[in-house]
Amino acid sequence: MGLAMTWVPHLGSGPMWDAVVKRERDLCRSNWWQLVILMPNLFPFEHLCLPQAWYLGTDTQLFFITLIVLLVIWKWPKSGVPILSSVMVISLLIPFLQSYFMSLLPIRVSIFPESIRDIFGYNDTFYHAYVSAQGNWAGYHLGVLTAWFYHRAQTRKWDLGESWLLKLMCMVSIPVALGTVLMGWDLHDREASAFESAVFNTFNQNFFALAICVFIIGYFYKCNRVYVQSVEWGPLQPLGRMSYCAMLLHATVLRTYGGQMRRSFYATDYTAIMLFAGIVCTTYLFSLPLYLFVEAPACQVQKILFGPKRQKKERENGNSTCVKPGVSSVSVSTVSTHI
């Protein structure tokens, strides 16, 4: 946010520079407080500083909702399964009813050139179905269910590493996750009914989330050697560490690229692929100093402030929060963090 308000507007110029880059500077200078309180997705999207930061507000709101749910379960442990199941149903029902009665478009076909020009402003489908807390609640809750399932598997000493069912589910999880990209491919050629749109907006992202949750459990139990070696491949580790910074910076890279363009170009599949590759590489290049000088030091400070006390508490508790021998090599706190 500080870069968008200060340095970025001076990095270039072009016919669209004021409308694209300096506009973000003006919005950040007037609406910076929306990011400070971590509630940017509750305000009109067309006036949002750093549109990609909608995730921060959604994540914060869902964190507090989930915290209340977990406190209730902690107070009354026997209510765990009914409450978690009820929340799952509610988190799916809300986006369905919202899409149906508000006549929202399927998310896949809701991005128009006019919408991109306005940075997705005045787009009801994008605002209510994609960036809202209720639109992402089910996927978030799937992560909570995964952590709950993993905790139960450890406490009851389930040897899931030898489960053929988990191995099969883990193997198909990545194809299913990639296949969600193709869901609704025919909606570009026809108009979807209100019911179809509601079903699509309810399940499309959540199929992806479910597949990733299955993959994470399978990875922790090392159910697929190819997947495990791919995730642990050395060259991928730096990219994984910089991915959050890349998410925060990618929109700024796109803005500066579009703002400095002085001529149009003929778009083909080849030019789109080359443009995509260039944007990705540039984004990760600029993410490196942000990670080295901001995120990594902040993580180390967090470890210094909270690490020793937590480790001491875990040693005092013995095996209460640690992995049972021969079951998995990952702790409950780790799986919660990853999800």
C-alpha atoms as a PDB file:
ATOM      1  CA  MET A   1       0.000   0.000   0.000  1.00  0.00           C
ATOM      2  CA  GLY A   2       2.860   2.357   0.807  1.00  0.00           C
ATOM      3  CA  LEU A   3       4.510   1.639  -2.546  1.00  0.00           C
ATOM      4  CA  ALA A   4       1.254   2.230  -4.408  1.00  0.00           C
ATOM      5  CA  MET A   5       0.862   5.636  -2.740  1.00  0.00           C
ATOM      6  CA  THR A   6       4.455   6.803  -3.249  1.00  0.00           C
ATOM      7  CA  TRP A   7       6.971   5.183  -5.613  1.00  0.00           C
ATOM      8  CA  VAL A   8       4.884   3.204  -8.117  1.00  0.00           C
ATOM      9  CA  PRO A   9       3.233   6.261  -9.781  1.00  0.00           C
ATOM     10  CA  HIS A  10       6.731   7.577 -10.635  1.00  0.00           C
ATOM     11  CA  LEU A  11       7.965   4.369 -12.285  1.00  0.00           C
ATOM     12  CA  GLY A  12       6.609   5.142 -15.748  1.00  0.00           C
ATOM     13  CA  SER A  13       4.200   7.029 -17.951  1.00  0.00           C
ATOM     14  CA  GLY A  14       1.754   6.394 -20.751  1.00  0.00           C
ATOM     15  CA  PRO A  15      -1.647   7.212 -22.225  1.00  0.00           C
ATOM     16  CA  MET A  16      -3.446   5.176 -19.556  1.00  0.00           C
ATOM     17  CA  TRP A  17      -1.010   5.853 -16.715  1.00  0.00           C
ATOM     18  CA  ASP A  18      -3.184   8.365 -14.874  1.00  0.00           C
ATOM     19  CA  ALA A  19      -6.359   6.303 -15.283  1.00  0.00           C
ATOM     20  CA  VAL A  20      -4.773   3.020 -14.222  1.00  0.00           C
ATOM     21  CA  VAL A  21      -1.769   3.627 -11.954  1.00  0.00           C
ATOM     22  CA  LYS A  22      -2.343   7.071 -10.464  1.00  0.00           C
ATOM     23  CA  ARG A  23      -5.962   6.184  -9.861  1.00  0.00           C
ATOM     24  CA  GLU A  24      -4.815   3.469  -7.463  1.00  0.00           C
ATOM     25  CA  ARG A  25      -2.569   6.006  -5.730  1.00  0.00           C
ATOM     26  CA  ASP A  26      -5.522   8.342  -5.191  1.00  0.00           C
ATOM     27  CA  LEU A  27      -7.746   5.524  -3.941  1.00  0.00           C
ATOM     28  CA  CYS A  28      -5.092   4.331  -1.494  1.00  0.00           C
ATOM     29  CA  ARG A  29      -4.536   7.827  -0.162  1.00  0.00           C
ATOM     30  CA  SER A  30      -8.246   8.245   0.546  1.00  0.00           C
ATOM     31  CA  ASN A  31      -9.291   4.689   1.503  1.00  0.00           C
ATOM     32  CA  TRP A  32      -6.144   3.288   3.140  1.00  0.00           C
ATOM     33  CA  TRP A  33      -8.010   2.812   6.412  1.00  0.00           C
ATOM     34  CA  GLN A  34     -10.134   0.050   4.861  1.00  0.00           C
ATOM     35  CA  LEU A  35      -7.008  -2.102   4.649  1.00  0.00           C
ATOM     36  CA  VAL A  36      -5.784  -1.125   8.095  1.00  0.00           C
ATOM     37  CA  ILE A  37      -8.949  -2.475   9.725  1.00  0.00           C
ATOM     38  CA  LEU A  38      -8.729  -5.560   7.445  1.00  0.00           C
ATOM     39  CA  MET A  39     -12.263  -5.130   6.102  1.00  0.00           C
ATOM     40  CA  PRO A  40     -11.723  -4.001   2.481  1.00  0.00           C
ATOM     41  CA  ASN A  41     -14.238  -6.438   0.992  1.00  0.00           C
ATOM     42  CA  LEU A  42     -17.111  -4.796   2.890  1.00  0.00           C
ATOM     43  CA  PHE A  43     -16.842  -1.579   0.872  1.00  0.00           C
ATOM     44  CA  PRO A  44     -17.607  -0.838  -2.803  1.00  0.00           C
ATOM     45  CA  PHE A  45     -15.019  -2.637  -4.866  1.00  0.00           C
ATOM     46  CA  GLU A  46     -14.605   0.207  -7.360  1.00  0.00           C
ATOM     47  CA  HIS A  47     -13.188   2.410  -4.574  1.00  0.00           C
ATOM     48  CA  LEU A  48     -10.870  -0.197  -3.050  1.00  0.00           C
ATOM     49  CA  CYS A  49      -7.165   0.401  -2.558  1.00  0.00           C
ATOM     50  CA  LEU A  50      -5.256  -2.646  -3.848  1.00  0.00           C
ATOM     51  CA  PRO A  51      -8.200  -4.736  -5.131  1.00  0.00           C
ATOM     52  CA  GLN A  52      -6.215  -7.944  -4.648  1.00  0.00           C
ATOM     53  CA  ALA A  53      -6.267  -7.241  -0.903  1.00  0.00           C
ATOM     54  CA  TRP A  54      -9.928  -8.312  -0.709  1.00  0.00           C
ATOM     55  CA  TYR A  55      -8.534 -11.649   0.450  1.00  0.00           C
ATOM     56  CA  LEU A  56      -7.250 -10.084   3.679  1.00  0.00           C
ATOM     57  CA  GLY A  57     -10.718  -8.965   4.701  1.00  0.00           C
ATOM     58  CA  THR A  58     -12.377 -12.233   3.743  1.00  0.00           C
ATOM     59  CA  ASP A  59      -9.771 -14.276   5.592  1.00  0.00           C
ATOM     60  CA  THR A  60     -10.066 -12.105   8.709  1.00  0.00           C
ATOM     61  CA  GLN A  61     -13.855 -12.331   8.832  1.00  0.00           C
ATOM     62  CA  LEU A  62     -13.870 -16.090   8.311  1.00  0.00           C
ATOM     63  CA  PHE A  63     -11.169 -16.475  10.952  1.00  0.00           C
ATOM     64  CA  PHE A  64     -13.342 -14.815  13.595  1.00  0.00           C
ATOM     65  CA  ILE A  65     -16.434 -16.785  12.546  1.00  0.00           C
ATOM     66  CA  THR A  66     -14.478 -20.034  12.747  1.00  0.00           C
ATOM     67  CA  LEU A  67     -12.973 -19.008  16.084  1.00  0.00           C
ATOM     68  CA  ILE A  68     -16.469 -18.704  17.553  1.00  0.00           C
ATOM     69  CA  VAL A  69     -17.421 -22.113  16.156  1.00  0.00           C
ATOM     70  CA  LEU A  70     -14.309 -23.738  17.609  1.00  0.00           C
ATOM     71  CA  LEU A  71     -14.849 -22.097  21.005  1.00  0.00           C
ATOM     72  CA  VAL A  72     -18.335 -23.617  21.125  1.00  0.00           C
ATOM     73  CA  ILE A  73     -16.914 -27.030  20.238  1.00  0.00           C
ATOM     74  CA  TRP A  74     -14.178 -26.618  22.851  1.00  0.00           C
ATOM     75  CA  LYS A  75     -16.822 -25.810  25.479  1.00  0.00           C
ATOM     76  CA  TRP A  76     -19.071 -28.711  24.449  1.00  0.00           C
ATOM     77  CA  PRO A  77     -16.869 -31.348  22.756  1.00  0.00           C
ATOM     78  CA  LYS A  78     -19.739 -33.727  21.975  1.00  0.00           C
ATOM     79  CA  SER A  79     -21.309 -31.072  19.758  1.00  0.00           C
ATOM     80  CA  GLY A  80     -18.333 -31.137  17.376  1.00  0.00           C
ATOM     81  CA  VAL A  81     -19.744 -33.294  14.577  1.00  0.00           C
ATOM     82  CA  PRO A  82     -23.256 -31.729  14.536  1.00  0.00           C
ATOM     83  CA  ILE A  83     -21.908 -28.168  14.602  1.00  0.00           C
ATOM     84  CA  LEU A  84     -19.249 -28.721  11.955  1.00  0.00           C
ATOM     85  CA  SER A  85     -21.778 -30.496   9.719  1.00  0.00           C
ATOM     86  CA  SER A  86     -24.347 -27.724  10.195  1.00  0.00           C
ATOM     87  CA  VAL A  87     -21.817 -25.032   9.372  1.00  0.00           C
ATOM     88  CA  MET A  88     -20.845 -26.919   6.208  1.00  0.00           C
ATOM     89  CA  VAL A  89     -24.459 -27.036   5.058  1.00  0.00           C
ATOM     90  CA  ILE A  90     -25.057 -23.366   5.902  1.00  0.00           C
ATOM     91  CA  SER A  91     -21.862 -22.253   4.147  1.00  0.00           C
ATOM     92  CA  LEU A  92     -23.061 -23.981   0.967  1.00  0.00           C
ATOM     93  CA  LEU A  93     -26.665 -22.871   1.264  1.00  0.00           C
ATOM     94  CA  ILE A  94     -25.930 -19.146   1.638  1.00  0.00           C
ATOM     95  CA  PRO A  95     -24.072 -18.664  -1.698  1.00  0.00           C
ATOM     96  CA  PHE A  96     -26.661 -20.824  -3.473  1.00  0.00           C
ATOM     97  CA  LEU A  97     -29.593 -18.732  -2.254  1.00  0.00           C
ATOM     98  CA  GLN A  98     -27.654 -15.527  -2.788  1.00  0.00           C
ATOM     99  CA  SER A  99     -26.864 -16.376  -6.416  1.00  0.00           C
ATOM    100  CA  TYR A 100     -30.365 -17.623  -7.117  1.00  0.00           C
ATOM    101  CA  PHE A 101     -32.389 -14.734  -5.713  1.00  0.00           C
ATOM    102  CA  MET A 102     -29.948 -12.010  -6.810  1.00  0.00           C
ATOM    103  CA  SER A 103     -29.777 -13.506 -10.336  1.00  0.00           C
ATOM    104  CA  LEU A 104     -25.991 -13.505 -10.301  1.00  0.00           C
ATOM    105  CA  LEU A 105     -24.054 -14.764 -13.300  1.00  0.00           C
ATOM    106  CA  PRO A 106     -21.735 -17.774 -13.058  1.00  0.00           C
ATOM    107  CA  ILE A 107     -18.380 -16.483 -11.841  1.00  0.00           C
ATOM    108  CA  ARG A 108     -16.714 -17.963 -14.920  1.00  0.00           C
ATOM    109  CA  VAL A 109     -18.536 -15.659 -17.353  1.00  0.00           C
ATOM    110  CA  SER A 110     -18.869 -12.558 -15.139  1.00  0.00           C
ATOM    111  CA  ILE A 111     -15.593 -10.912 -16.207  1.00  0.00           C
ATOM    112  CA  PHE A 112     -16.231  -8.459 -19.052  1.00  0.00           C
ATOM    113  CA  PRO A 113     -13.794  -5.945 -20.589  1.00  0.00           C
ATOM    114  CA  GLU A 114     -15.851  -3.146 -19.059  1.00  0.00           C
ATOM    115  CA  SER A 115     -15.550  -4.807 -15.662  1.00  0.00           C
ATOM    116  CA  ILE A 116     -11.773  -5.102 -15.973  1.00  0.00           C
ATOM    117  CA  ARG A 117     -11.554  -1.437 -17.007  1.00  0.00           C
ATOM    118  CA  ASP A 118     -13.349  -0.481 -13.771  1.00  0.00           C
ATOM    119  CA  ILE A 119     -11.174  -2.915 -11.748  1.00  0.00           C
ATOM    120  CA  PHE A 120     -14.193  -5.207 -11.240  1.00  0.00           C
ATOM    121  CA  GLY A 121     -16.273  -2.375  -9.844  1.00  0.00           C
ATOM    122  CA  TYR A 122     -20.050  -2.378 -10.325  1.00  0.00           C
ATOM    123  CA  ASN A 123     -19.903  -6.164 -10.863  1.00  0.00           C
ATOM    124  CA  ASP A 124     -22.424  -7.748  -8.492  1.00  0.00           C
ATOM    125  CA  THR A 125     -21.374 -11.307  -9.292  1.00  0.00           C
ATOM    126  CA  PHE A 126     -17.705 -10.641  -8.591  1.00  0.00           C
ATOM    127  CA  TYR A 127     -18.477  -8.705  -5.420  1.00  0.00           C
ATOM    128  CA  HIS A 128     -21.025 -11.076  -3.862  1.00  0.00           C
ATOM    129  CA  ALA A 129     -19.941 -14.494  -5.175  1.00  0.00           C
ATOM    130  CA  TYR A 130     -16.153 -14.204  -5.437  1.00  0.00           C
ATOM    131  CA  VAL A 131     -14.719 -11.766  -2.887  1.00  0.00           C
ATOM    132  CA  SER A 132     -17.339 -11.876  -0.128  1.00  0.00           C
ATOM    133  CA  ALA A 133     -16.888 -13.849   3.066  1.00  0.00           C
ATOM    134  CA  GLN A 134     -20.070 -15.828   2.495  1.00  0.00           C
ATOM    135  CA  GLY A 135     -18.922 -16.779  -1.002  1.00  0.00           C
ATOM    136  CA  ASN A 136     -15.692 -18.273   0.378  1.00  0.00           C
ATOM    137  CA  TRP A 137     -16.994 -19.676   3.661  1.00  0.00           C
ATOM    138  CA  ALA A 138     -17.460 -23.248   2.446  1.00  0.00           C
ATOM    139  CA  GLY A 139     -13.897 -23.533   1.136  1.00  0.00           C
ATOM    140  CA  TYR A 140     -12.537 -22.095   4.371  1.00  0.00           C
ATOM    141  CA  HIS A 141     -14.637 -24.501   6.422  1.00  0.00           C
ATOM    142  CA  LEU A 142     -13.389 -27.444   4.359  1.00  0.00           C
ATOM    143  CA  GLY A 143      -9.937 -26.575   5.644  1.00  0.00           C
ATOM    144  CA  VAL A 144     -11.258 -26.602   9.204  1.00  0.00           C
ATOM    145  CA  LEU A 145     -12.884 -30.002   8.627  1.00  0.00           C
ATOM    146  CA  THR A 146      -9.613 -31.312   7.229  1.00  0.00           C
ATOM    147  CA  ALA A 147      -7.695 -30.195  10.317  1.00  0.00           C
ATOM    148  CA  TRP A 148     -10.392 -31.716  12.565  1.00  0.00           C
ATOM    149  CA  PHE A 149     -10.219 -34.995  10.633  1.00  0.00           C
ATOM    150  CA  TYR A 150      -6.430 -35.046  10.831  1.00  0.00           C
ATOM    151  CA  HIS A 151      -6.512 -34.403  14.578  1.00  0.00           C
ATOM    152  CA  ARG A 152      -8.962 -37.249  15.095  1.00  0.00           C
ATOM    153  CA  ALA A 153      -6.837 -39.554  12.924  1.00  0.00           C
ATOM    154  CA  GLN A 154      -3.835 -38.842  15.152  1.00  0.00           C
ATOM    155  CA  THR A 155      -5.597 -39.205  18.485  1.00  0.00           C
ATOM    156  CA  ARG A 156      -7.164 -42.496  17.397  1.00  0.00           C
ATOM    157  CA  LYS A 157      -3.937 -43.682  15.741  1.00  0.00           C
ATOM    158  CA  TRP A 158      -5.419 -44.341  12.324  1.00  0.00           C
ATOM    159  CA  ASP A 159      -2.700 -45.675  10.048  1.00  0.00           C
ATOM    160  CA  LEU A 160      -4.001 -43.882   6.962  1.00  0.00           C
ATOM    161  CA  GLY A 161      -0.692 -44.185   5.164  1.00  0.00           C
ATOM    162  CA  GLU A 162      -1.680 -47.733   4.199  1.00  0.00           C
ATOM    163  CA  SER A 163      -5.250 -46.885   3.215  1.00  0.00           C
ATOM    164  CA  TRP A 164      -5.912 -47.681  -0.439  1.00  0.00           C
ATOM    165  CA  LEU A 165      -8.932 -45.386  -0.389  1.00  0.00           C
ATOM    166  CA  LEU A 166      -6.832 -42.405   0.721  1.00  0.00           C
ATOM    167  CA  LYS A 167      -4.160 -43.282  -1.839  1.00  0.00           C
ATOM    168  CA  LEU A 168      -6.763 -43.347  -4.591  1.00  0.00           C
ATOM    169  CA  MET A 169      -8.345 -40.091  -3.453  1.00  0.00           C
ATOM    170  CA  CYS A 170      -4.938 -38.445  -3.215  1.00  0.00           C
ATOM    171  CA  MET A 171      -4.017 -39.618  -6.716  1.00  0.00           C
ATOM    172  CA  VAL A 172      -7.165 -38.135  -8.299  1.00  0.00           C
ATOM    173  CA  SER A 173      -7.118 -34.940  -6.203  1.00  0.00           C
ATOM    174  CA  ILE A 174      -4.809 -33.011  -8.542  1.00  0.00           C
ATOM    175  CA  PRO A 175      -6.695 -34.002 -11.748  1.00  0.00           C
ATOM    176  CA  VAL A 176      -9.941 -32.984 -10.023  1.00  0.00           C
ATOM    177  CA  ALA A 177      -8.438 -29.653  -8.944  1.00  0.00           C
ATOM    178  CA  LEU A 178      -7.243 -28.965 -12.486  1.00  0.00           C
ATOM    179  CA  GLY A 179     -10.570 -30.154 -13.879  1.00  0.00           C
ATOM    180  CA  THR A 180     -12.456 -27.470 -11.968  1.00  0.00           C
ATOM    181  CA  VAL A 181     -10.997 -24.988 -14.467  1.00  0.00           C
ATOM    182  CA  LEU A 182     -13.086 -26.678 -17.163  1.00  0.00           C
ATOM    183  CA  MET A 183     -16.329 -26.635 -15.181  1.00  0.00           C
ATOM    184  CA  GLY A 184     -18.942 -24.603 -17.004  1.00  0.00           C
ATOM    185  CA  TRP A 185     -16.913 -24.322 -20.205  1.00  0.00           C
ATOM    186  CA  ASP A 186     -20.118 -24.320 -22.265  1.00  0.00           C
ATOM    187  CA  LEU A 187     -21.547 -21.340 -20.362  1.00  0.00           C
ATOM    188  CA  HIS A 188     -19.617 -19.005 -22.662  1.00  0.00           C
ATOM    189  CA  ASP A 189     -21.864 -20.027 -25.547  1.00  0.00           C
ATOM    190  CA  ARG A 190     -25.244 -19.907 -23.829  1.00  0.00           C
ATOM    191  CA  GLU A 191     -27.078 -18.127 -21.057  1.00  0.00           C
ATOM    192  CA  ALA A 192     -27.248 -20.043 -17.794  1.00  0.00           C
ATOM    193  CA  SER A 193     -30.453 -20.224 -15.825  1.00  0.00           C
ATOM    194  CA  ALA A 194     -30.641 -18.836 -12.298  1.00  0.00           C
ATOM    195  CA  PHE A 195     -30.511 -22.379 -10.902  1.00  0.00           C
ATOM    196  CA  GLU A 196     -27.436 -23.305 -12.984  1.00  0.00           C
ATOM    197  CA  SER A 197     -25.655 -20.133 -11.913  1.00  0.00           C
ATOM    198  CA  ALA A 198     -26.424 -20.830  -8.266  1.00  0.00           C
ATOM    199  CA  VAL A 199     -25.134 -24.399  -8.500  1.00  0.00           C
ATOM    200  CA  PHE A 200     -21.972 -23.297 -10.306  1.00  0.00           C
ATOM    201  CA  ASN A 201     -21.170 -20.493  -7.856  1.00  0.00           C
ATOM    202  CA  THR A 202     -21.787 -22.842  -4.932  1.00  0.00           C
ATOM    203  CA  PHE A 203     -19.634 -25.788  -5.987  1.00  0.00           C
ATOM    204  CA  ASN A 204     -16.993 -24.647  -8.485  1.00  0.00           C
ATOM    205  CA  GLN A 205     -14.466 -23.179  -6.043  1.00  0.00           C
ATOM    206  CA  ASN A 206     -15.370 -25.692  -3.356  1.00  0.00           C
ATOM    207  CA  PHE A 207     -14.587 -28.696  -5.551  1.00  0.00           C
ATOM    208  CA  PHE A 208     -11.122 -27.207  -5.938  1.00  0.00           C
ATOM    209  CA  ALA A 209     -10.841 -26.618  -2.177  1.00  0.00           C
ATOM    210  CA  LEU A 210     -11.959 -30.172  -1.409  1.00  0.00           C
ATOM    211  CA  ALA A 211      -9.420 -31.616  -3.843  1.00  0.00           C
ATOM    212  CA  ILE A 212      -6.624 -29.589  -2.259  1.00  0.00           C
ATOM    213  CA  CYS A 213      -7.662 -30.687   1.251  1.00  0.00           C
ATOM    214  CA  VAL A 214      -7.534 -34.338   0.167  1.00  0.00           C
ATOM    215  CA  PHE A 215      -4.144 -33.717  -1.429  1.00  0.00           C
ATOM    216  CA  ILE A 216      -2.796 -32.171   1.799  1.00  0.00           C
ATOM    217  CA  ILE A 217      -3.910 -35.142   3.903  1.00  0.00           C
ATOM    218  CA  GLY A 218      -2.473 -37.555   1.344  1.00  0.00           C
ATOM    219  CA  TYR A 219       0.782 -35.622   1.281  1.00  0.00           C
ATOM    220  CA  PHE A 220       1.151 -35.643   5.059  1.00  0.00           C
ATOM    221  CA  TYR A 221       0.693 -39.419   5.057  1.00  0.00           C
ATOM    222  CA  LYS A 222       2.934 -39.756   1.971  1.00  0.00           C
ATOM    223  CA  CYS A 223       0.327 -41.642  -0.015  1.00  0.00           C
ATOM    224  CA  ASN A 224       1.798 -40.741  -3.400  1.00  0.00           C
ATOM    225  CA  ARG A 225       5.534 -40.665  -3.903  1.00  0.00           C
ATOM    226  CA  VAL A 226       5.355 -38.550  -7.074  1.00  0.00           C
ATOM    227  CA  TYR A 227       3.292 -35.842  -5.379  1.00  0.00           C
ATOM    228  CA  VAL A 228       5.509 -35.826  -2.291  1.00  0.00           C
ATOM    229  CA  GLN A 229       8.718 -35.510  -4.295  1.00  0.00           C
ATOM    230  CA  SER A 230       7.181 -32.803  -6.469  1.00  0.00           C
ATOM    231  CA  VAL A 231       6.136 -30.710  -3.479  1.00  0.00           C
ATOM    232  CA  GLU A 232       9.505 -31.189  -1.761  1.00  0.00           C
ATOM    233  CA  TRP A 233      11.514 -30.460  -4.920  1.00  0.00           C
ATOM    234  CA  GLY A 234      14.191 -27.920  -4.017  1.00  0.00           C
ATOM    235  CA  PRO A 235      13.650 -25.295  -6.761  1.00  0.00           C
ATOM    236  CA  LEU A 236       9.972 -24.991  -5.804  1.00  0.00           C
ATOM    237  CA  GLN A 237      10.685 -24.025  -2.188  1.00  0.00           C
ATOM    238  CA  PRO A 238      11.727 -20.387  -2.881  1.00  0.00           C
ATOM    239  CA  LEU A 239       8.742 -19.887  -5.197  1.00  0.00           C
ATOM    240  CA  GLY A 240       6.420 -21.257  -2.533  1.00  0.00           C
ATOM    241  CA  ARG A 241       7.826 -18.891   0.062  1.00  0.00           C
ATOM    242  CA  MET A 242       7.356 -15.902  -2.267  1.00  0.00           C
ATOM    243  CA  SER A 243       3.834 -16.843  -3.394  1.00  0.00           C
ATOM    244  CA  TYR A 244       2.050 -14.653  -0.837  1.00  0.00           C
ATOM    245  CA  CYS A 245       4.130 -11.623  -1.783  1.00  0.00           C
ATOM    246  CA  ALA A 246       3.429 -12.404  -5.445  1.00  0.00           C
ATOM    247  CA  MET A 247      -0.303 -12.361  -4.719  1.00  0.00           C
ATOM    248  CA  LEU A 248       0.002  -8.911  -3.165  1.00  0.00           C
ATOM    249  CA  LEU A 249       2.098  -7.508  -6.038  1.00  0.00           C
ATOM    250  CA  HIS A 250       0.655  -9.060  -9.187  1.00  0.00           C
ATOM    251  CA  ALA A 251      -2.093  -6.465  -9.650  1.00  0.00           C
ATOM    252  CA  THR A 252       0.426  -3.631  -9.413  1.00  0.00           C
ATOM    253  CA  VAL A 253       2.562  -5.284 -12.093  1.00  0.00           C
ATOM    254  CA  LEU A 254      -0.496  -5.604 -14.333  1.00  0.00           C
ATOM    255  CA  ARG A 255      -1.471  -1.979 -13.736  1.00  0.00           C
ATOM    256  CA  THR A 256       1.961  -0.612 -14.618  1.00  0.00           C
ATOM    257  CA  TYR A 257       2.112  -2.781 -17.736  1.00  0.00           C
ATOM    258  CA  GLY A 258      -1.298  -1.620 -18.936  1.00  0.00           C
ATOM    259  CA  GLY A 259      -0.696   2.003 -17.995  1.00  0.00           C
ATOM    260  CA  GLN A 260       2.496   2.384 -20.030  1.00  0.00           C
ATOM    261  CA  MET A 261       1.229   0.722 -23.249  1.00  0.00           C
ATOM    262  CA  ARG A 262       1.327   3.165 -26.170  1.00  0.00           C
ATOM    263  CA  ARG A 263      -0.142   0.986 -28.900  1.00  0.00           C
ATOM    264  CA  SER A 264      -2.552  -1.894 -29.270  1.00  0.00           C
ATOM    265  CA  PHE A 265      -1.467  -5.383 -30.267  1.00  0.00           C
ATOM    266  CA  TYR A 266      -3.114  -8.331 -31.956  1.00  0.00           C
ATOM    267  CA  ALA A 267      -3.972 -10.908 -29.290  1.00  0.00           C
ATOM    268  CA  THR A 268      -3.397 -14.569 -30.124  1.00  0.00           C
ATOM    269  CA  ASP A 269      -2.976 -17.645 -27.958  1.00  0.00           C
ATOM    270  CA  TYR A 270       0.795 -17.361 -28.371  1.00  0.00           C
ATOM    271  CA  THR A 271       0.968 -13.692 -27.363  1.00  0.00           C
ATOM    272  CA  ALA A 272      -1.344 -14.403 -24.402  1.00  0.00           C
ATOM    273  CA  ILE A 273       0.940 -17.204 -23.190  1.00  0.00           C
ATOM    274  CA  MET A 274       4.058 -15.068 -23.610  1.00  0.00           C
ATOM    275  CA  LEU A 275       2.411 -12.142 -21.816  1.00  0.00           C
ATOM    276  CA  PHE A 276       1.292 -14.436 -18.999  1.00  0.00           C
ATOM    277  CA  ALA A 277       4.801 -15.880 -18.620  1.00  0.00           C
ATOM    278  CA  GLY A 278       6.358 -12.420 -18.575  1.00  0.00           C
ATOM    279  CA  ILE A 279       3.928 -11.108 -15.960  1.00  0.00           C
ATOM    280  CA  VAL A 280       4.493 -14.151 -13.730  1.00  0.00           C
ATOM    281  CA  CYS A 281       8.291 -13.876 -13.938  1.00  0.00           C
ATOM    282  CA  THR A 282       8.230 -10.132 -13.305  1.00  0.00           C
ATOM    283  CA  THR A 283       5.881 -10.542 -10.353  1.00  0.00           C
ATOM    284  CA  TYR A 284       8.123 -13.118  -8.679  1.00  0.00           C
ATOM    285  CA  LEU A 285      11.189 -10.994  -9.397  1.00  0.00           C
ATOM    286  CA  PHE A 286       9.674  -8.056  -7.507  1.00  0.00           C
ATOM    287  CA  SER A 287       8.374 -10.414  -4.807  1.00  0.00           C
ATOM    288  CA  LEU A 288      11.894 -11.459  -3.845  1.00  0.00           C
ATOM    289  CA  PRO A 289      12.943  -8.205  -2.085  1.00  0.00           C
ATOM    290  CA  LEU A 290       9.492  -7.920  -0.475  1.00  0.00           C
ATOM    291  CA  TYR A 291       9.927 -11.404   0.967  1.00  0.00           C
ATOM    292  CA  LEU A 292      13.559 -10.915   2.026  1.00  0.00           C
ATOM    293  CA  PHE A 293      13.105  -7.541   3.688  1.00  0.00           C
ATOM    294  CA  VAL A 294       9.522  -7.709   4.976  1.00  0.00           C
ATOM    295  CA  GLU A 295       7.850 -11.124   5.213  1.00  0.00           C
ATOM    296  CA  ALA A 296      10.866 -13.245   6.207  1.00  0.00           C
ATOM    297  CA  PRO A 297      12.023 -10.869   8.991  1.00  0.00           C
ATOM    298  CA  ALA A 298       8.449 -10.612  10.273  1.00  0.00           C
ATOM    299  CA  CYS A 299       8.211 -14.421  10.431  1.00  0.00           C
ATOM    300  CA  GLN A 300      11.491 -14.604  12.352  1.00  0.00           C
ATOM    301  CA  VAL A 301      10.331 -11.968  14.830  1.00  0.00           C
ATOM    302  CA  GLN A 302       7.145 -13.986  15.331  1.00  0.00           C
ATOM    303  CA  LYS A 303       9.200 -17.125  16.030  1.00  0.00           C
ATOM    304  CA  ILE A 304      11.363 -15.254  18.536  1.00  0.00           C
ATOM    305  CA  LEU A 305       8.360 -13.835  20.374  1.00  0.00           C
ATOM    306  CA  PHE A 306       6.155 -16.918  20.376  1.00  0.00           C
ATOM    307  CA  GLY A 307       8.347 -19.905  19.482  1.00  0.00           C
ATOM    308  CA  PRO A 308      10.202 -20.865  22.702  1.00  0.00           C
ATOM    309  CA  LYS A 309       7.155 -20.563  24.946  1.00  0.00           C
ATOM    310  CA  ARG A 310       5.113 -22.696  22.567  1.00  0.00           C
ATOM    311  CA  GLN A 311       7.832 -25.346  22.272  1.00  0.00           C
ATOM    312  CA  LYS A 312       8.170 -25.493  26.041  1.00  0.00           C
ATOM    313  CA  LYS A 313       4.429 -25.924  26.435  1.00  0.00           C
ATOM    314  CA  GLU A 314       4.408 -28.721  23.865  1.00  0.00           C
ATOM    315  CA  ARG A 315       7.201 -30.530  25.747  1.00  0.00           C
ATOM    316  CA  GLU A 316       5.258 -30.208  28.988  1.00  0.00           C
ATOM    317  CA  ASN A 317       2.139 -31.615  27.357  1.00  0.00           C
ATOM    318  CA  GLY A 318       4.068 -34.603  26.073  1.00  0.00           C
ATOM    319  CA  ASN A 319       2.302 -36.303  23.199  1.00  0.00           C
ATOM    320  CA  SER A 320      -0.961 -34.411  23.536  1.00  0.00           C
ATOM    321  CA  THR A 321      -0.222 -32.170  20.544  1.00  0.00           C
ATOM    322  CA  CYS A 322       2.493 -34.205  18.855  1.00  0.00           C
ATOM    323  CA  VAL A 323       2.216 -36.843  16.216  1.00  0.00           C
ATOM    324  CA  LYS A 324       1.849 -40.424  17.311  1.00  0.00           C
ATOM    325  CA  PRO A 325       4.820 -42.569  16.239  1.00  0.00           C
ATOM    326  CA  GLY A 326       4.330 -44.491  13.029  1.00  0.00           C
ATOM    327  CA  VAL A 327       1.274 -42.564  11.919  1.00  0.00           C
ATOM    328  CA  SER A 328       2.425 -39.283  10.373  1.00  0.00           C
ATOM    329  CA  SER A 329       5.398 -36.968  10.529  1.00  0.00           C
ATOM    330  CA  VAL A 330       3.393 -33.725  10.690  1.00  0.00           C
ATOM    331  CA  SER A 331       1.894 -32.103  13.779  1.00  0.00           C
ATOM    332  CA  VAL A 332      -1.654 -30.825  14.109  1.00  0.00           C
ATOM    333  CA  SER A 333      -0.443 -27.226  14.302  1.00  0.00           C
ATOM    334  CA  THR A 334       1.399 -27.694  11.021  1.00  0.00           C
ATOM    335  CA  VAL A 335      -1.575 -29.080   9.130  1.00  0.00           C
ATOM    336  CA  SER A 336      -3.753 -26.232  10.415  1.00  0.00           C
ATOM    337  CA  THR A 337      -1.193 -23.692   9.234  1.00  0.00           C
ATOM    338  CA  HIS A 338      -0.867 -25.283   5.776  1.00  0.00           C
ATOM    339  CA  ILE A 339      -4.641 -25.482   5.266  1.00  0.00           C
END
